[in-house]
Amino acid sequence: MSINIGDLAENVAFYTEVLGLDVLPRPDADIAVDGAWLGLPDGRQVHLLVQESRPADGQHFAFEVDDLDAVLTELEGKGVRVSPPSTLAAVCRQSFTKDPSGNLLEFNQRL
């Protein structure tokens, strides 16, 4: 997944220090924009791309978590503001925050 961001250093710090993703080597290719490749523990990748465009209202992506309450406690302990958890009946519990560039992130615990 690729995410348009503003400040590269600020967003790399958020995704690595706050969310725990790992910095991966960026491919040695002719990529016209600055950015960073990050890895999730399950092998999926998040590509941060420095762009002027901003996220559309409501556009978001989700991180599936095993224990939403533990994730929220950890995030709040790091100074991250998150929405109170809500429940979609028989589907999931979820909470939201934004990255430094305003991208909406969901933390989703399946029921």
PDB file of N, CA and C in Angstrom:
ATOM      1  N   MET A   1       0.849  -1.153   0.000  1.00  0.00           N
ATOM      2  CA  MET A   1       0.000   0.000   0.000  1.00  0.00           C
ATOM      3  C   MET A   1       0.895   1.215   0.000  1.00  0.00           C
ATOM      4  N   SER A   2       0.526   2.234  -0.735  1.00  0.00           N
ATOM      5  CA  SER A   2       1.287   3.482  -0.726  1.00  0.00           C
ATOM      6  C   SER A   2       0.428   4.574  -0.108  1.00  0.00           C
ATOM      7  N   ILE A   3       1.102   5.461   0.614  1.00  0.00           N
ATOM      8  CA  ILE A   3       0.430   6.537   1.330  1.00  0.00           C
ATOM      9  C   ILE A   3       1.124   7.840   0.974  1.00  0.00           C
ATOM     10  N   ASN A   4       0.351   8.814   0.533  1.00  0.00           N
ATOM     11  CA  ASN A   4       0.910  10.135   0.261  1.00  0.00           C
ATOM     12  C   ASN A   4       1.108  10.858   1.584  1.00  0.00           C
ATOM     13  N   ILE A   5       2.287  11.439   1.738  1.00  0.00           N
ATOM     14  CA  ILE A   5       2.625  12.140   2.973  1.00  0.00           C
ATOM     15  C   ILE A   5       3.243  13.491   2.650  1.00  0.00           C
ATOM     16  N   GLY A   6       3.407  14.298   3.692  1.00  0.00           N
ATOM     17  CA  GLY A   6       4.101  15.573   3.563  1.00  0.00           C
ATOM     18  C   GLY A   6       5.551  15.394   3.975  1.00  0.00           C
ATOM     19  N   ASP A   7       5.848  15.669   5.222  1.00  0.00           N
ATOM     20  CA  ASP A   7       7.213  15.629   5.745  1.00  0.00           C
ATOM     21  C   ASP A   7       7.675  14.179   5.930  1.00  0.00           C
ATOM     22  N   LEU A   8       8.738  13.795   5.236  1.00  0.00           N
ATOM     23  CA  LEU A   8       9.212  12.415   5.263  1.00  0.00           C
ATOM     24  C   LEU A   8       9.711  12.008   6.642  1.00  0.00           C
ATOM     25  N   ALA A   9      10.591  12.800   7.238  1.00  0.00           N
ATOM     26  CA  ALA A   9      11.173  12.434   8.535  1.00  0.00           C
ATOM     27  C   ALA A   9      10.102  12.297   9.614  1.00  0.00           C
ATOM     28  N   GLU A  10       9.156  13.229   9.632  1.00  0.00           N
ATOM     29  CA  GLU A  10       8.089  13.205  10.635  1.00  0.00           C
ATOM     30  C   GLU A  10       7.235  11.948  10.488  1.00  0.00           C
ATOM     31  N   ASN A  11       6.920  11.585   9.261  1.00  0.00           N
ATOM     32  CA  ASN A  11       6.083  10.410   9.036  1.00  0.00           C
ATOM     33  C   ASN A  11       6.841   9.110   9.257  1.00  0.00           C
ATOM     34  N   VAL A  12       8.103   9.033   8.862  1.00  0.00           N
ATOM     35  CA  VAL A  12       8.894   7.833   9.139  1.00  0.00           C
ATOM     36  C   VAL A  12       8.965   7.633  10.650  1.00  0.00           C
ATOM     37  N   ALA A  13       9.198   8.706  11.410  1.00  0.00           N
ATOM     38  CA  ALA A  13       9.247   8.592  12.871  1.00  0.00           C
ATOM     39  C   ALA A  13       7.920   8.072  13.422  1.00  0.00           C
ATOM     40  N   PHE A  14       6.799   8.578  12.920  1.00  0.00           N
ATOM     41  CA  PHE A  14       5.487   8.129  13.393  1.00  0.00           C
ATOM     42  C   PHE A  14       5.280   6.647  13.097  1.00  0.00           C
ATOM     43  N   TYR A  15       5.510   6.243  11.863  1.00  0.00           N
ATOM     44  CA  TYR A  15       5.233   4.856  11.481  1.00  0.00           C
ATOM     45  C   TYR A  15       6.207   3.859  12.105  1.00  0.00           C
ATOM     46  N   THR A  16       7.429   4.299  12.423  1.00  0.00           N
ATOM     47  CA  THR A  16       8.393   3.379  13.026  1.00  0.00           C
ATOM     48  C   THR A  16       8.371   3.455  14.550  1.00  0.00           C
ATOM     49  N   GLU A  17       8.483   4.642  15.109  1.00  0.00           N
ATOM     50  CA  GLU A  17       8.576   4.786  16.561  1.00  0.00           C
ATOM     51  C   GLU A  17       7.232   4.606  17.259  1.00  0.00           C
ATOM     52  N   VAL A  18       6.153   5.045  16.641  1.00  0.00           N
ATOM     53  CA  VAL A  18       4.832   4.948  17.268  1.00  0.00           C
ATOM     54  C   VAL A  18       4.141   3.642  16.888  1.00  0.00           C
ATOM     55  N   LEU A  19       4.117   3.314  15.594  1.00  0.00           N
ATOM     56  CA  LEU A  19       3.395   2.119  15.152  1.00  0.00           C
ATOM     57  C   LEU A  19       4.267   0.869  15.074  1.00  0.00           C
ATOM     58  N   GLY A  20       5.575   1.027  15.142  1.00  0.00           N
ATOM     59  CA  GLY A  20       6.450  -0.136  15.195  1.00  0.00           C
ATOM     60  C   GLY A  20       6.807  -0.792  13.875  1.00  0.00           C
ATOM     61  N   LEU A  21       6.596  -0.111  12.739  1.00  0.00           N
ATOM     62  CA  LEU A  21       7.005  -0.670  11.457  1.00  0.00           C
ATOM     63  C   LEU A  21       8.516  -0.561  11.313  1.00  0.00           C
ATOM     64  N   ASP A  22       9.088  -1.371  10.462  1.00  0.00           N
ATOM     65  CA  ASP A  22      10.529  -1.368  10.222  1.00  0.00           C
ATOM     66  C   ASP A  22      10.850  -0.671   8.907  1.00  0.00           C
ATOM     67  N   VAL A  23      11.943   0.088   8.880  1.00  0.00           N
ATOM     68  CA  VAL A  23      12.407   0.698   7.632  1.00  0.00           C
ATOM     69  C   VAL A  23      13.040  -0.399   6.784  1.00  0.00           C
ATOM     70  N   LEU A  24      12.632  -0.478   5.525  1.00  0.00           N
ATOM     71  CA  LEU A  24      13.169  -1.451   4.581  1.00  0.00           C
ATOM     72  C   LEU A  24      14.028  -0.729   3.545  1.00  0.00           C
ATOM     73  N   PRO A  25      14.929  -1.453   2.905  1.00  0.00           N
ATOM     74  CA  PRO A  25      15.679  -0.825   1.812  1.00  0.00           C
ATOM     75  C   PRO A  25      14.716  -0.419   0.696  1.00  0.00           C
ATOM     76  N   ARG A  26      14.908   0.765   0.183  1.00  0.00           N
ATOM     77  CA  ARG A  26      14.088   1.225  -0.937  1.00  0.00           C
ATOM     78  C   ARG A  26      14.719   0.705  -2.219  1.00  0.00           C
ATOM     79  N   PRO A  27      13.898   0.208  -3.149  1.00  0.00           N
ATOM     80  CA  PRO A  27      14.475  -0.339  -4.383  1.00  0.00           C
ATOM     81  C   PRO A  27      15.331   0.691  -5.113  1.00  0.00           C
ATOM     82  N   ASP A  28      16.381   0.220  -5.717  1.00  0.00           N
ATOM     83  CA  ASP A  28      17.246   1.082  -6.511  1.00  0.00           C
ATOM     84  C   ASP A  28      16.625   1.203  -7.898  1.00  0.00           C
ATOM     85  N   ALA A  29      15.587   2.014  -7.972  1.00  0.00           N
ATOM     86  CA  ALA A  29      14.856   2.193  -9.228  1.00  0.00           C
ATOM     87  C   ALA A  29      14.722   3.688  -9.491  1.00  0.00           C
ATOM     88  N   ASP A  30      14.264   4.025 -10.651  1.00  0.00           N
ATOM     89  CA  ASP A  30      14.084   5.423 -11.017  1.00  0.00           C
ATOM     90  C   ASP A  30      12.726   5.892 -10.496  1.00  0.00           C
ATOM     91  N   ILE A  31      12.677   6.184  -9.205  1.00  0.00           N
ATOM     92  CA  ILE A  31      11.441   6.630  -8.566  1.00  0.00           C
ATOM     93  C   ILE A  31      11.515   8.153  -8.455  1.00  0.00           C
ATOM     94  N   ALA A  32      10.537   8.825  -9.032  1.00  0.00           N
ATOM     95  CA  ALA A  32      10.593  10.283  -9.164  1.00  0.00           C
ATOM     96  C   ALA A  32      10.291  11.038  -7.878  1.00  0.00           C
ATOM     97  N   VAL A  33       9.747  10.371  -6.865  1.00  0.00           N
ATOM     98  CA  VAL A  33       9.398  11.072  -5.633  1.00  0.00           C
ATOM     99  C   VAL A  33      10.203  10.514  -4.466  1.00  0.00           C
ATOM    100  N   ASP A  34      10.414  11.369  -3.472  1.00  0.00           N
ATOM    101  CA  ASP A  34      11.081  10.939  -2.256  1.00  0.00           C
ATOM    102  C   ASP A  34      10.114  10.075  -1.454  1.00  0.00           C
ATOM    103  N   GLY A  35      10.652   9.228  -0.600  1.00  0.00           N
ATOM    104  CA  GLY A  35       9.783   8.390   0.204  1.00  0.00           C
ATOM    105  C   GLY A  35      10.562   7.364   1.001  1.00  0.00           C
ATOM    106  N   ALA A  36       9.835   6.432   1.594  1.00  0.00           N
ATOM    107  CA  ALA A  36      10.434   5.367   2.394  1.00  0.00           C
ATOM    108  C   ALA A  36       9.565   4.129   2.288  1.00  0.00           C
ATOM    109  N   TRP A  37      10.221   2.960   2.349  1.00  0.00           N
ATOM    110  CA  TRP A  37       9.531   1.672   2.341  1.00  0.00           C
ATOM    111  C   TRP A  37       9.575   1.152   3.770  1.00  0.00           C
ATOM    112  N   LEU A  38       8.420   0.741   4.293  1.00  0.00           N
ATOM    113  CA  LEU A  38       8.323   0.243   5.655  1.00  0.00           C
ATOM    114  C   LEU A  38       7.709  -1.149   5.640  1.00  0.00           C
ATOM    115  N   GLY A  39       8.083  -1.966   6.618  1.00  0.00           N
ATOM    116  CA  GLY A  39       7.578  -3.332   6.672  1.00  0.00           C
ATOM    117  C   GLY A  39       6.758  -3.600   7.922  1.00  0.00           C
ATOM    118  N   LEU A  40       5.689  -4.372   7.733  1.00  0.00           N
ATOM    119  CA  LEU A  40       4.872  -4.864   8.834  1.00  0.00           C
ATOM    120  C   LEU A  40       5.387  -6.245   9.230  1.00  0.00           C
ATOM    121  N   PRO A  41       5.116  -6.691  10.457  1.00  0.00           N
ATOM    122  CA  PRO A  41       5.604  -7.998  10.899  1.00  0.00           C
ATOM    123  C   PRO A  41       5.153  -9.167  10.020  1.00  0.00           C
ATOM    124  N   ASP A  42       4.017  -9.043   9.354  1.00  0.00           N
ATOM    125  CA  ASP A  42       3.509 -10.156   8.536  1.00  0.00           C
ATOM    126  C   ASP A  42       4.066 -10.150   7.112  1.00  0.00           C
ATOM    127  N   GLY A  43       5.012  -9.241   6.828  1.00  0.00           N
ATOM    128  CA  GLY A  43       5.631  -9.201   5.511  1.00  0.00           C
ATOM    129  C   GLY A  43       5.032  -8.185   4.552  1.00  0.00           C
ATOM    130  N   ARG A  44       3.861  -7.654   4.876  1.00  0.00           N
ATOM    131  CA  ARG A  44       3.291  -6.611   4.012  1.00  0.00           C
ATOM    132  C   ARG A  44       4.113  -5.338   4.142  1.00  0.00           C
ATOM    133  N   GLN A  45       3.987  -4.470   3.144  1.00  0.00           N
ATOM    134  CA  GLN A  45       4.756  -3.231   3.124  1.00  0.00           C
ATOM    135  C   GLN A  45       3.853  -2.011   3.033  1.00  0.00           C
ATOM    136  N   VAL A  46       4.343  -0.921   3.585  1.00  0.00           N
ATOM    137  CA  VAL A  46       3.726   0.392   3.457  1.00  0.00           C
ATOM    138  C   VAL A  46       4.772   1.280   2.794  1.00  0.00           C
ATOM    139  N   HIS A  47       4.385   1.923   1.699  1.00  0.00           N
ATOM    140  CA  HIS A  47       5.289   2.829   0.989  1.00  0.00           C
ATOM    141  C   HIS A  47       4.826   4.253   1.241  1.00  0.00           C
ATOM    142  N   LEU A  48       5.695   5.048   1.844  1.00  0.00           N
ATOM    143  CA  LEU A  48       5.402   6.457   2.073  1.00  0.00           C
ATOM    144  C   LEU A  48       5.952   7.246   0.899  1.00  0.00           C
ATOM    145  N   LEU A  49       5.101   8.053   0.270  1.00  0.00           N
ATOM    146  CA  LEU A  49       5.494   8.842  -0.902  1.00  0.00           C
ATOM    147  C   LEU A  49       5.247  10.322  -0.620  1.00  0.00           C
ATOM    148  N   VAL A  50       6.292  11.119  -0.731  1.00  0.00           N
ATOM    149  CA  VAL A  50       6.165  12.551  -0.494  1.00  0.00           C
ATOM    150  C   VAL A  50       5.448  13.161  -1.694  1.00  0.00           C
ATOM    151  N   GLN A  51       4.234  13.635  -1.452  1.00  0.00           N
ATOM    152  CA  GLN A  51       3.377  14.201  -2.497  1.00  0.00           C
ATOM    153  C   GLN A  51       2.659  15.426  -1.940  1.00  0.00           C
ATOM    154  N   GLU A  52       2.246  16.303  -2.817  1.00  0.00           N
ATOM    155  CA  GLU A  52       1.476  17.467  -2.372  1.00  0.00           C
ATOM    156  C   GLU A  52       0.008  17.139  -2.160  1.00  0.00           C
ATOM    157  N   SER A  53      -0.486  16.083  -2.792  1.00  0.00           N
ATOM    158  CA  SER A  53      -1.904  15.752  -2.644  1.00  0.00           C
ATOM    159  C   SER A  53      -2.170  15.258  -1.228  1.00  0.00           C
ATOM    160  N   ARG A  54      -3.347  15.500  -0.765  1.00  0.00           N
ATOM    161  CA  ARG A  54      -3.741  15.108   0.586  1.00  0.00           C
ATOM    162  C   ARG A  54      -4.863  14.065   0.506  1.00  0.00           C
ATOM    163  N   PRO A  55      -5.068  13.338   1.603  1.00  0.00           N
ATOM    164  CA  PRO A  55      -6.090  12.288   1.585  1.00  0.00           C
ATOM    165  C   PRO A  55      -7.489  12.853   1.408  1.00  0.00           C
ATOM    166  N   ALA A  56      -8.333  12.075   0.738  1.00  0.00           N
ATOM    167  CA  ALA A  56      -9.739  12.445   0.574  1.00  0.00           C
ATOM    168  C   ALA A  56     -10.465  12.227   1.899  1.00  0.00           C
ATOM    169  N   ASP A  57     -11.489  13.022   2.161  1.00  0.00           N
ATOM    170  CA  ASP A  57     -12.274  12.859   3.383  1.00  0.00           C
ATOM    171  C   ASP A  57     -12.797  11.429   3.489  1.00  0.00           C
ATOM    172  N   GLY A  58     -12.584  10.826   4.632  1.00  0.00           N
ATOM    173  CA  GLY A  58     -13.085   9.481   4.880  1.00  0.00           C
ATOM    174  C   GLY A  58     -12.195   8.371   4.359  1.00  0.00           C
ATOM    175  N   GLN A  59     -11.286   8.684   3.448  1.00  0.00           N
ATOM    176  CA  GLN A  59     -10.385   7.661   2.923  1.00  0.00           C
ATOM    177  C   GLN A  59      -9.474   7.207   4.052  1.00  0.00           C
ATOM    178  N   HIS A  60      -9.350   5.903   4.230  1.00  0.00           N
ATOM    179  CA  HIS A  60      -8.504   5.395   5.300  1.00  0.00           C
ATOM    180  C   HIS A  60      -8.072   3.973   4.992  1.00  0.00           C
ATOM    181  N   PHE A  61      -7.163   3.473   5.809  1.00  0.00           N
ATOM    182  CA  PHE A  61      -6.782   2.076   5.737  1.00  0.00           C
ATOM    183  C   PHE A  61      -6.720   1.556   7.158  1.00  0.00           C
ATOM    184  N   ALA A  62      -6.774   0.229   7.296  1.00  0.00           N
ATOM    185  CA  ALA A  62      -6.890  -0.375   8.619  1.00  0.00           C
ATOM    186  C   ALA A  62      -5.727  -1.299   8.924  1.00  0.00           C
ATOM    187  N   PHE A  63      -5.338  -1.289  10.189  1.00  0.00           N
ATOM    188  CA  PHE A  63      -4.414  -2.263  10.740  1.00  0.00           C
ATOM    189  C   PHE A  63      -5.249  -3.220  11.590  1.00  0.00           C
ATOM    190  N   GLU A  64      -5.204  -4.508  11.282  1.00  0.00           N
ATOM    191  CA  GLU A  64      -5.895  -5.482  12.115  1.00  0.00           C
ATOM    192  C   GLU A  64      -5.053  -5.731  13.360  1.00  0.00           C
ATOM    193  N   VAL A  65      -5.682  -5.685  14.519  1.00  0.00           N
ATOM    194  CA  VAL A  65      -4.983  -5.891  15.793  1.00  0.00           C
ATOM    195  C   VAL A  65      -5.690  -6.985  16.585  1.00  0.00           C
ATOM    196  N   ASP A  66      -4.934  -7.647  17.452  1.00  0.00           N
ATOM    197  CA  ASP A  66      -5.507  -8.706  18.286  1.00  0.00           C
ATOM    198  C   ASP A  66      -6.196  -8.156  19.521  1.00  0.00           C
ATOM    199  N   ASP A  67      -5.676  -7.045  20.066  1.00  0.00           N
ATOM    200  CA  ASP A  67      -6.190  -6.489  21.318  1.00  0.00           C
ATOM    201  C   ASP A  67      -6.262  -4.969  21.185  1.00  0.00           C
ATOM    202  N   LEU A  68      -7.429  -4.478  20.793  1.00  0.00           N
ATOM    203  CA  LEU A  68      -7.602  -3.048  20.545  1.00  0.00           C
ATOM    204  C   LEU A  68      -7.307  -2.228  21.794  1.00  0.00           C
ATOM    205  N   ASP A  69      -7.764  -2.687  22.942  1.00  0.00           N
ATOM    206  CA  ASP A  69      -7.540  -1.916  24.166  1.00  0.00           C
ATOM    207  C   ASP A  69      -6.048  -1.754  24.455  1.00  0.00           C
ATOM    208  N   ALA A  70      -5.270  -2.800  24.256  1.00  0.00           N
ATOM    209  CA  ALA A  70      -3.822  -2.720  24.485  1.00  0.00           C
ATOM    210  C   ALA A  70      -3.175  -1.755  23.493  1.00  0.00           C
ATOM    211  N   VAL A  71      -3.598  -1.790  22.240  1.00  0.00           N
ATOM    212  CA  VAL A  71      -3.048  -0.885  21.227  1.00  0.00           C
ATOM    213  C   VAL A  71      -3.374   0.561  21.588  1.00  0.00           C
ATOM    214  N   LEU A  72      -4.610   0.822  21.993  1.00  0.00           N
ATOM    215  CA  LEU A  72      -4.993   2.188  22.349  1.00  0.00           C
ATOM    216  C   LEU A  72      -4.217   2.682  23.562  1.00  0.00           C
ATOM    217  N   THR A  73      -4.012   1.824  24.550  1.00  0.00           N
ATOM    218  CA  THR A  73      -3.230   2.195  25.724  1.00  0.00           C
ATOM    219  C   THR A  73      -1.801   2.550  25.323  1.00  0.00           C
ATOM    220  N   GLU A  74      -1.219   1.739  24.446  1.00  0.00           N
ATOM    221  CA  GLU A  74       0.151   2.000  23.994  1.00  0.00           C
ATOM    222  C   GLU A  74       0.235   3.312  23.214  1.00  0.00           C
ATOM    223  N   LEU A  75      -0.713   3.526  22.287  1.00  0.00           N
ATOM    224  CA  LEU A  75      -0.703   4.757  21.491  1.00  0.00           C
ATOM    225  C   LEU A  75      -0.892   5.990  22.373  1.00  0.00           C
ATOM    226  N   GLU A  76      -1.856   5.928  23.268  1.00  0.00           N
ATOM    227  CA  GLU A  76      -2.107   7.066  24.144  1.00  0.00           C
ATOM    228  C   GLU A  76      -0.901   7.332  25.039  1.00  0.00           C
ATOM    229  N   GLY A  77      -0.186   6.278  25.447  1.00  0.00           N
ATOM    230  CA  GLY A  77       1.027   6.427  26.236  1.00  0.00           C
ATOM    231  C   GLY A  77       2.136   7.128  25.466  1.00  0.00           C
ATOM    232  N   LYS A  78       2.062   7.075  24.142  1.00  0.00           N
ATOM    233  CA  LYS A  78       3.038   7.755  23.283  1.00  0.00           C
ATOM    234  C   LYS A  78       2.542   9.132  22.848  1.00  0.00           C
ATOM    235  N   GLY A  79       1.412   9.563  23.417  1.00  0.00           N
ATOM    236  CA  GLY A  79       0.886  10.887  23.111  1.00  0.00           C
ATOM    237  C   GLY A  79       0.026  10.972  21.870  1.00  0.00           C
ATOM    238  N   VAL A  80      -0.399   9.832  21.333  1.00  0.00           N
ATOM    239  CA  VAL A  80      -1.228   9.816  20.126  1.00  0.00           C
ATOM    240  C   VAL A  80      -2.697   9.897  20.534  1.00  0.00           C
ATOM    241  N   ARG A  81      -3.416  10.829  19.933  1.00  0.00           N
ATOM    242  CA  ARG A  81      -4.858  10.948  20.185  1.00  0.00           C
ATOM    243  C   ARG A  81      -5.595   9.959  19.300  1.00  0.00           C
ATOM    244  N   VAL A  82      -6.423   9.125  19.902  1.00  0.00           N
ATOM    245  CA  VAL A  82      -7.219   8.140  19.173  1.00  0.00           C
ATOM    246  C   VAL A  82      -8.677   8.298  19.564  1.00  0.00           C
ATOM    247  N   SER A  83      -9.561   7.932  18.648  1.00  0.00           N
ATOM    248  CA  SER A  83     -10.989   8.018  18.945  1.00  0.00           C
ATOM    249  C   SER A  83     -11.370   6.923  19.935  1.00  0.00           C
ATOM    250  N   PRO A  84     -12.429   7.161  20.708  1.00  0.00           N
ATOM    251  CA  PRO A  84     -12.917   6.083  21.568  1.00  0.00           C
ATOM    252  C   PRO A  84     -13.323   4.894  20.695  1.00  0.00           C
ATOM    253  N   PRO A  85     -13.141   3.674  21.187  1.00  0.00           N
ATOM    254  CA  PRO A  85     -13.517   2.507  20.385  1.00  0.00           C
ATOM    255  C   PRO A  85     -15.021   2.468  20.128  1.00  0.00           C
ATOM    256  N   SER A  86     -15.373   2.008  18.956  1.00  0.00           N
ATOM    257  CA  SER A  86     -16.777   1.774  18.618  1.00  0.00           C
ATOM    258  C   SER A  86     -16.891   0.333  18.126  1.00  0.00           C
ATOM    259  N   THR A  87     -18.111  -0.174  18.128  1.00  0.00           N
ATOM    260  CA  THR A  87     -18.336  -1.566  17.733  1.00  0.00           C
ATOM    261  C   THR A  87     -19.299  -1.623  16.560  1.00  0.00           C
ATOM    262  N   LEU A  88     -18.917  -2.377  15.538  1.00  0.00           N
ATOM    263  CA  LEU A  88     -19.831  -2.725  14.460  1.00  0.00           C
ATOM    264  C   LEU A  88     -20.363  -4.103  14.822  1.00  0.00           C
ATOM    265  N   ALA A  89     -21.643  -4.188  15.111  1.00  0.00           N
ATOM    266  CA  ALA A  89     -22.242  -5.411  15.639  1.00  0.00           C
ATOM    267  C   ALA A  89     -21.801  -6.649  14.870  1.00  0.00           C
ATOM    268  N   ALA A  90     -21.297  -7.631  15.607  1.00  0.00           N
ATOM    269  CA  ALA A  90     -20.891  -8.940  15.091  1.00  0.00           C
ATOM    270  C   ALA A  90     -19.756  -8.867  14.060  1.00  0.00           C
ATOM    271  N   VAL A  91     -19.088  -7.717  13.944  1.00  0.00           N
ATOM    272  CA  VAL A  91     -18.019  -7.584  12.956  1.00  0.00           C
ATOM    273  C   VAL A  91     -16.691  -7.256  13.636  1.00  0.00           C
ATOM    274  N   CYS A  92     -16.614  -6.084  14.301  1.00  0.00           N
ATOM    275  CA  CYS A  92     -15.335  -5.652  14.855  1.00  0.00           C
ATOM    276  C   CYS A  92     -15.519  -4.529  15.858  1.00  0.00           C
ATOM    277  N   ARG A  93     -14.430  -4.274  16.594  1.00  0.00           N
ATOM    278  CA  ARG A  93     -14.263  -3.052  17.375  1.00  0.00           C
ATOM    279  C   ARG A  93     -13.214  -2.243  16.631  1.00  0.00           C
ATOM    280  N   GLN A  94     -13.380  -0.913  16.621  1.00  0.00           N
ATOM    281  CA  GLN A  94     -12.462  -0.080  15.855  1.00  0.00           C
ATOM    282  C   GLN A  94     -12.235   1.257  16.539  1.00  0.00           C
ATOM    283  N   SER A  95     -11.077   1.829  16.237  1.00  0.00           N
ATOM    284  CA  SER A  95     -10.724   3.153  16.708  1.00  0.00           C
ATOM    285  C   SER A  95      -9.879   3.808  15.620  1.00  0.00           C
ATOM    286  N   PHE A  96      -9.842   5.138  15.606  1.00  0.00           N
ATOM    287  CA  PHE A  96      -9.170   5.869  14.531  1.00  0.00           C
ATOM    288  C   PHE A  96      -8.212   6.913  15.077  1.00  0.00           C
ATOM    289  N   THR A  97      -7.182   7.203  14.275  1.00  0.00           N
ATOM    290  CA  THR A  97      -6.275   8.312  14.519  1.00  0.00           C
ATOM    291  C   THR A  97      -5.812   8.820  13.162  1.00  0.00           C
ATOM    292  N   LYS A  98      -4.973   9.848  13.170  1.00  0.00           N
ATOM    293  CA  LYS A  98      -4.394  10.362  11.923  1.00  0.00           C
ATOM    294  C   LYS A  98      -2.880  10.376  12.042  1.00  0.00           C
ATOM    295  N   ASP A  99      -2.223  10.150  10.904  1.00  0.00           N
ATOM    296  CA  ASP A  99      -0.765  10.267  10.882  1.00  0.00           C
ATOM    297  C   ASP A  99      -0.405  11.750  10.767  1.00  0.00           C
ATOM    298  N   PRO A 100       0.874  12.106  10.822  1.00  0.00           N
ATOM    299  CA  PRO A 100       1.256  13.520  10.766  1.00  0.00           C
ATOM    300  C   PRO A 100       0.814  14.253   9.495  1.00  0.00           C
ATOM    301  N   SER A 101       0.519  13.521   8.420  1.00  0.00           N
ATOM    302  CA  SER A 101       0.065  14.156   7.184  1.00  0.00           C
ATOM    303  C   SER A 101      -1.448  14.199   7.062  1.00  0.00           C
ATOM    304  N   GLY A 102      -2.162  13.703   8.072  1.00  0.00           N
ATOM    305  CA  GLY A 102      -3.619  13.744   8.061  1.00  0.00           C
ATOM    306  C   GLY A 102      -4.281  12.509   7.498  1.00  0.00           C
ATOM    307  N   ASN A 103      -3.515  11.470   7.172  1.00  0.00           N
ATOM    308  CA  ASN A 103      -4.117  10.221   6.696  1.00  0.00           C
ATOM    309  C   ASN A 103      -4.838   9.543   7.862  1.00  0.00           C
ATOM    310  N   LEU A 104      -6.067   9.118   7.617  1.00  0.00           N
ATOM    311  CA  LEU A 104      -6.885   8.473   8.640  1.00  0.00           C
ATOM    312  C   LEU A 104      -6.499   7.001   8.733  1.00  0.00           C
ATOM    313  N   LEU A 105      -6.175   6.558   9.962  1.00  0.00           N
ATOM    314  CA  LEU A 105      -5.785   5.178  10.215  1.00  0.00           C
ATOM    315  C   LEU A 105      -6.802   4.521  11.137  1.00  0.00           C
ATOM    316  N   GLU A 106      -7.178   3.312  10.797  1.00  0.00           N
ATOM    317  CA  GLU A 106      -8.114   2.545  11.631  1.00  0.00           C
ATOM    318  C   GLU A 106      -7.346   1.388  12.282  1.00  0.00           C
ATOM    319  N   PHE A 107      -7.667   1.138  13.545  1.00  0.00           N
ATOM    320  CA  PHE A 107      -7.192  -0.049  14.252  1.00  0.00           C
ATOM    321  C   PHE A 107      -8.415  -0.918  14.466  1.00  0.00           C
ATOM    322  N   ASN A 108      -8.367  -2.151  13.953  1.00  0.00           N
ATOM    323  CA  ASN A 108      -9.555  -2.973  13.831  1.00  0.00           C
ATOM    324  C   ASN A 108      -9.322  -4.330  14.509  1.00  0.00           C
ATOM    325  N   GLN A 109     -10.171  -4.635  15.491  1.00  0.00           N
ATOM    326  CA  GLN A 109     -10.134  -5.935  16.168  1.00  0.00           C
ATOM    327  C   GLN A 109     -11.391  -6.704  15.784  1.00  0.00           C
ATOM    328  N   ARG A 110     -11.200  -7.785  15.057  1.00  0.00           N
ATOM    329  CA  ARG A 110     -12.345  -8.605  14.627  1.00  0.00           C
ATOM    330  C   ARG A 110     -13.010  -9.257  15.824  1.00  0.00           C
ATOM    331  N   LEU A 111     -14.322  -9.395  15.762  1.00  0.00           N
ATOM    332  CA  LEU A 111     -15.076 -10.066  16.843  1.00  0.00           C
ATOM    333  C   LEU A 111     -15.243 -11.537  16.517  1.00  0.00           C
TER     334      LEU A 111
END
